Amino acid sequence: MTQFLRVLGRRAPQRALSFNVVHQNGYNFDLNETQKEFQAVARKFAREESAPVAAYHDKTAEYPSEIFKKAWSLGLVNLRIPKHCGGLEESLFNSCLVVEELFWGCSGIATAVSSAGLGVTPLVFAGTKDQQKKFLPRLLEEPLTTVGSNYNEIYVLTKFLP
């Protein structure tokens, strides 16, 4: 990747890869123990919770509120919230590991679970610590679900409160 970016005249980002152990033949892409644990929990959740009800939710377009709450209680939602806000501050790669496993069970349910972090990312990358402390802890207190909506984002209503 670094060579590719140099050809384009750009520098490779310092944190482009989440693995920093270089072996004789290149990077080590083995998962560490924490990553294996996240993957195992998400895989078990997808097999035992999402997959059995996937067809029902696909057919009815009913929002999977109960499944979302279970995912939230297991810590599979909002992994990127910083530690100073009470979160786990996990890497984007670890978050992707979880989402990948959830998509195996049901893409609709995985979308509902992973989209909960859409508002987190801008605050993590561009928000001040005060903004992060104001808005992010609320996501750790209780699962925020869109009761009464279906998978179609047009039904999700939002309201900004300064």
C-alpha atoms as a PDB file:
ATOM      1  CA  MET A   1       0.000   0.000   0.000  1.00  0.00           C
ATOM      2  CA  THR A   2       2.831   2.398   0.853  1.00  0.00           C
ATOM      3  CA  GLN A   3       4.367   1.878  -2.581  1.00  0.00           C
ATOM      4  CA  PHE A   4       0.999   2.472  -4.235  1.00  0.00           C
ATOM      5  CA  LEU A   5       0.519   5.743  -2.351  1.00  0.00           C
ATOM      6  CA  ARG A   6       4.045   6.895  -3.176  1.00  0.00           C
ATOM      7  CA  VAL A   7       3.322   6.366  -6.876  1.00  0.00           C
ATOM      8  CA  LEU A   8       0.321   8.657  -6.457  1.00  0.00           C
ATOM      9  CA  GLY A   9       2.526  11.215  -4.719  1.00  0.00           C
ATOM     10  CA  ARG A  10       0.934  10.786  -1.290  1.00  0.00           C
ATOM     11  CA  ARG A  11       2.358   9.667   2.005  1.00  0.00           C
ATOM     12  CA  ALA A  12       0.905   6.549   3.562  1.00  0.00           C
ATOM     13  CA  PRO A  13      -1.077   7.313   6.731  1.00  0.00           C
ATOM     14  CA  GLN A  14       0.799   6.293   9.870  1.00  0.00           C
ATOM     15  CA  ARG A  15      -2.181   4.330  11.209  1.00  0.00           C
ATOM     16  CA  ALA A  16      -3.256   2.767   7.921  1.00  0.00           C
ATOM     17  CA  LEU A  17      -2.936  -0.742   9.323  1.00  0.00           C
ATOM     18  CA  SER A  18      -3.907  -1.770  12.830  1.00  0.00           C
ATOM     19  CA  PHE A  19      -1.055  -4.256  12.996  1.00  0.00           C
ATOM     20  CA  ASN A  20       2.405  -3.005  13.751  1.00  0.00           C
ATOM     21  CA  VAL A  21       4.314  -6.288  14.090  1.00  0.00           C
ATOM     22  CA  VAL A  22       6.400  -6.757  10.970  1.00  0.00           C
ATOM     23  CA  HIS A  23       7.610 -10.249  10.140  1.00  0.00           C
ATOM     24  CA  GLN A  24      10.306 -11.267   7.711  1.00  0.00           C
ATOM     25  CA  ASN A  25       7.791 -11.593   4.866  1.00  0.00           C
ATOM     26  CA  GLY A  26       5.593  -8.606   5.725  1.00  0.00           C
ATOM     27  CA  TYR A  27       2.876  -7.682   8.229  1.00  0.00           C
ATOM     28  CA  ASN A  28       1.399 -10.123  10.712  1.00  0.00           C
ATOM     29  CA  PHE A  29      -2.340 -10.360  10.106  1.00  0.00           C
ATOM     30  CA  ASP A  30      -3.028 -12.748  12.986  1.00  0.00           C
ATOM     31  CA  LEU A  31      -5.665 -11.530  15.405  1.00  0.00           C
ATOM     32  CA  ASN A  32      -4.566 -10.768  18.956  1.00  0.00           C
ATOM     33  CA  GLU A  33      -6.422 -12.245  21.932  1.00  0.00           C
ATOM     34  CA  THR A  34      -8.727  -9.252  22.398  1.00  0.00           C
ATOM     35  CA  GLN A  35      -9.682  -9.320  18.737  1.00  0.00           C
ATOM     36  CA  LYS A  36     -10.350 -13.057  18.903  1.00  0.00           C
ATOM     37  CA  GLU A  37     -12.633 -12.485  21.906  1.00  0.00           C
ATOM     38  CA  PHE A  38     -14.600  -9.736  20.137  1.00  0.00           C
ATOM     39  CA  GLN A  39     -14.918 -11.954  17.072  1.00  0.00           C
ATOM     40  CA  ALA A  40     -16.083 -14.960  19.120  1.00  0.00           C
ATOM     41  CA  VAL A  41     -18.723 -12.975  21.033  1.00  0.00           C
ATOM     42  CA  ALA A  42     -20.053 -11.395  17.833  1.00  0.00           C
ATOM     43  CA  ARG A  43     -20.044 -14.745  16.015  1.00  0.00           C
ATOM     44  CA  LYS A  44     -21.967 -16.440  18.840  1.00  0.00           C
ATOM     45  CA  PHE A  45     -24.447 -13.567  18.930  1.00  0.00           C
ATOM     46  CA  ALA A  46     -24.982 -13.746  15.163  1.00  0.00           C
ATOM     47  CA  ARG A  47     -25.583 -17.493  15.263  1.00  0.00           C
ATOM     48  CA  GLU A  48     -27.776 -17.613  18.354  1.00  0.00           C
ATOM     49  CA  GLU A  49     -29.654 -14.313  18.223  1.00  0.00           C
ATOM     50  CA  SER A  50     -29.664 -12.798  14.712  1.00  0.00           C
ATOM     51  CA  ALA A  51     -29.743 -15.757  12.338  1.00  0.00           C
ATOM     52  CA  PRO A  52     -32.770 -17.514  13.901  1.00  0.00           C
ATOM     53  CA  VAL A  53     -34.975 -14.426  13.485  1.00  0.00           C
ATOM     54  CA  ALA A  54     -33.457 -13.018  10.285  1.00  0.00           C
ATOM     55  CA  ALA A  55     -36.212 -14.273   7.996  1.00  0.00           C
ATOM     56  CA  TYR A  56     -38.916 -12.883  10.289  1.00  0.00           C
ATOM     57  CA  HIS A  57     -37.371  -9.410  10.377  1.00  0.00           C
ATOM     58  CA  ASP A  58     -36.671  -9.453   6.656  1.00  0.00           C
ATOM     59  CA  LYS A  59     -40.276 -10.397   5.917  1.00  0.00           C
ATOM     60  CA  THR A  60     -41.980  -8.015   8.369  1.00  0.00           C
ATOM     61  CA  ALA A  61     -39.416  -5.167   8.292  1.00  0.00           C
ATOM     62  CA  GLU A  62     -39.951  -4.921  12.045  1.00  0.00           C
ATOM     63  CA  TYR A  63     -37.123  -3.091  13.804  1.00  0.00           C
ATOM     64  CA  PRO A  64     -35.138  -5.599  15.916  1.00  0.00           C
ATOM     65  CA  SER A  65     -35.354  -3.621  19.176  1.00  0.00           C
ATOM     66  CA  GLU A  66     -34.883  -6.606  21.488  1.00  0.00           C
ATOM     67  CA  ILE A  67     -31.938  -7.934  19.516  1.00  0.00           C
ATOM     68  CA  PHE A  68     -30.401  -4.472  19.437  1.00  0.00           C
ATOM     69  CA  LYS A  69     -30.733  -4.248  23.231  1.00  0.00           C
ATOM     70  CA  LYS A  70     -29.032  -7.634  23.616  1.00  0.00           C
ATOM     71  CA  ALA A  71     -26.194  -6.552  21.332  1.00  0.00           C
ATOM     72  CA  TRP A  72     -25.856  -3.332  23.323  1.00  0.00           C
ATOM     73  CA  SER A  73     -25.775  -5.229  26.636  1.00  0.00           C
ATOM     74  CA  LEU A  74     -22.977  -7.457  25.296  1.00  0.00           C
ATOM     75  CA  GLY A  75     -20.934  -4.420  24.303  1.00  0.00           C
ATOM     76  CA  LEU A  76     -21.247  -4.959  20.552  1.00  0.00           C
ATOM     77  CA  VAL A  77     -22.589  -1.440  19.963  1.00  0.00           C
ATOM     78  CA  ASN A  78     -20.586   1.808  20.031  1.00  0.00           C
ATOM     79  CA  LEU A  79     -17.163   0.236  20.472  1.00  0.00           C
ATOM     80  CA  ARG A  80     -15.425   3.431  19.351  1.00  0.00           C
ATOM     81  CA  ILE A  81     -16.560   5.704  22.208  1.00  0.00           C
ATOM     82  CA  PRO A  82     -13.428   7.104  23.939  1.00  0.00           C
ATOM     83  CA  LYS A  83     -12.376   5.969  27.394  1.00  0.00           C
ATOM     84  CA  HIS A  84     -12.690   9.492  28.828  1.00  0.00           C
ATOM     85  CA  CYS A  85     -16.429   9.182  28.066  1.00  0.00           C
ATOM     86  CA  GLY A  86     -16.702   5.724  29.626  1.00  0.00           C
ATOM     87  CA  GLY A  87     -16.373   3.751  26.379  1.00  0.00           C
ATOM     88  CA  LEU A  88     -13.997   1.035  25.239  1.00  0.00           C
ATOM     89  CA  GLU A  89     -12.207   3.184  22.624  1.00  0.00           C
ATOM     90  CA  GLU A  90     -11.670   0.192  20.372  1.00  0.00           C
ATOM     91  CA  SER A  91     -10.015   0.510  16.995  1.00  0.00           C
ATOM     92  CA  LEU A  92     -11.865   0.743  13.724  1.00  0.00           C
ATOM     93  CA  PHE A  93     -10.470  -2.673  12.859  1.00  0.00           C
ATOM     94  CA  ASN A  94     -11.960  -4.261  15.998  1.00  0.00           C
ATOM     95  CA  SER A  95     -15.261  -2.612  15.212  1.00  0.00           C
ATOM     96  CA  CYS A  96     -15.119  -4.058  11.697  1.00  0.00           C
ATOM     97  CA  LEU A  97     -14.451  -7.536  13.107  1.00  0.00           C
ATOM     98  CA  VAL A  98     -17.666  -7.326  15.117  1.00  0.00           C
ATOM     99  CA  VAL A  99     -19.733  -5.967  12.229  1.00  0.00           C
ATOM    100  CA  GLU A 100     -18.416  -8.614   9.850  1.00  0.00           C
ATOM    101  CA  GLU A 101     -19.595 -11.378  12.172  1.00  0.00           C
ATOM    102  CA  LEU A 102     -22.967  -9.717  12.727  1.00  0.00           C
ATOM    103  CA  PHE A 103     -23.551  -9.484   8.982  1.00  0.00           C
ATOM    104  CA  TRP A 104     -23.177 -13.250   8.761  1.00  0.00           C
ATOM    105  CA  GLY A 105     -26.291 -13.624  10.923  1.00  0.00           C
ATOM    106  CA  CYS A 106     -28.493 -11.022   9.221  1.00  0.00           C
ATOM    107  CA  SER A 107     -27.478  -8.005   7.189  1.00  0.00           C
ATOM    108  CA  GLY A 108     -30.556  -6.030   8.245  1.00  0.00           C
ATOM    109  CA  ILE A 109     -29.992  -6.591  11.962  1.00  0.00           C
ATOM    110  CA  ALA A 110     -26.270  -5.935  11.542  1.00  0.00           C
ATOM    111  CA  THR A 111     -27.093  -2.652   9.829  1.00  0.00           C
ATOM    112  CA  ALA A 112     -29.352  -1.654  12.715  1.00  0.00           C
ATOM    113  CA  VAL A 113     -26.633  -2.484  15.246  1.00  0.00           C
ATOM    114  CA  SER A 114     -23.725  -0.938  13.367  1.00  0.00           C
ATOM    115  CA  SER A 115     -25.584   2.206  12.293  1.00  0.00           C
ATOM    116  CA  ALA A 116     -25.894   3.172  15.952  1.00  0.00           C
ATOM    117  CA  GLY A 117     -22.282   4.298  15.661  1.00  0.00           C
ATOM    118  CA  LEU A 118     -22.847   6.653  12.744  1.00  0.00           C
ATOM    119  CA  GLY A 119     -23.191   9.644  15.041  1.00  0.00           C
ATOM    120  CA  VAL A 120     -20.217   8.568  17.127  1.00  0.00           C
ATOM    121  CA  THR A 121     -17.589   8.731  14.381  1.00  0.00           C
ATOM    122  CA  PRO A 122     -17.794  12.490  13.657  1.00  0.00           C
ATOM    123  CA  LEU A 123     -17.608  13.275  17.365  1.00  0.00           C
ATOM    124  CA  VAL A 124     -14.647  10.941  17.907  1.00  0.00           C
ATOM    125  CA  PHE A 125     -12.658  12.349  14.990  1.00  0.00           C
ATOM    126  CA  ALA A 126     -13.662  16.017  14.949  1.00  0.00           C
ATOM    127  CA  GLY A 127     -15.438  16.777  18.214  1.00  0.00           C
ATOM    128  CA  THR A 128     -13.868  18.531  21.158  1.00  0.00           C
ATOM    129  CA  LYS A 129     -13.519  16.678  24.451  1.00  0.00           C
ATOM    130  CA  ASP A 130     -16.364  18.796  25.834  1.00  0.00           C
ATOM    131  CA  GLN A 131     -18.647  17.806  22.944  1.00  0.00           C
ATOM    132  CA  GLN A 132     -17.671  14.165  23.356  1.00  0.00           C
ATOM    133  CA  LYS A 133     -18.370  14.264  27.100  1.00  0.00           C
ATOM    134  CA  LYS A 134     -21.722  15.946  26.486  1.00  0.00           C
ATOM    135  CA  PHE A 135     -23.121  13.577  23.853  1.00  0.00           C
ATOM    136  CA  LEU A 136     -21.322  10.216  23.922  1.00  0.00           C
ATOM    137  CA  PRO A 137     -21.950   8.971  27.492  1.00  0.00           C
ATOM    138  CA  ARG A 138     -25.697   8.952  26.769  1.00  0.00           C
ATOM    139  CA  LEU A 139     -25.092   6.140  24.270  1.00  0.00           C
ATOM    140  CA  LEU A 140     -23.568   4.026  27.033  1.00  0.00           C
ATOM    141  CA  GLU A 141     -26.393   4.564  29.529  1.00  0.00           C
ATOM    142  CA  GLU A 142     -29.118   2.825  27.558  1.00  0.00           C
ATOM    143  CA  PRO A 143     -29.625   1.470  24.066  1.00  0.00           C
ATOM    144  CA  LEU A 144     -31.185   4.036  21.769  1.00  0.00           C
ATOM    145  CA  THR A 145     -33.546   2.309  19.394  1.00  0.00           C
ATOM    146  CA  THR A 146     -35.946   3.643  16.837  1.00  0.00           C
ATOM    147  CA  VAL A 147     -39.098   2.019  18.112  1.00  0.00           C
ATOM    148  CA  GLY A 148     -41.840   1.906  15.528  1.00  0.00           C
ATOM    149  CA  SER A 149     -39.576   2.179  12.519  1.00  0.00           C
ATOM    150  CA  ASN A 150     -38.353  -0.380  10.068  1.00  0.00           C
ATOM    151  CA  TYR A 151     -35.005  -0.767   8.324  1.00  0.00           C
ATOM    152  CA  ASN A 152     -35.692   2.072   5.932  1.00  0.00           C
ATOM    153  CA  GLU A 153     -33.784   5.120   7.185  1.00  0.00           C
ATOM    154  CA  ILE A 154     -36.498   7.453   5.910  1.00  0.00           C
ATOM    155  CA  TYR A 155     -38.581   6.498   8.947  1.00  0.00           C
ATOM    156  CA  VAL A 156     -35.891   7.424  11.462  1.00  0.00           C
ATOM    157  CA  LEU A 157     -36.520  10.849  12.923  1.00  0.00           C
ATOM    158  CA  THR A 158     -33.776  12.884  14.537  1.00  0.00           C
ATOM    159  CA  LYS A 159     -33.768  16.111  16.470  1.00  0.00           C
ATOM    160  CA  PHE A 160     -30.756  18.276  17.273  1.00  0.00           C
ATOM    161  CA  LEU A 161     -30.710  19.813  20.725  1.00  0.00           C
ATOM    162  CA  PRO A 162     -27.898  22.332  21.309  1.00  0.00           C
END
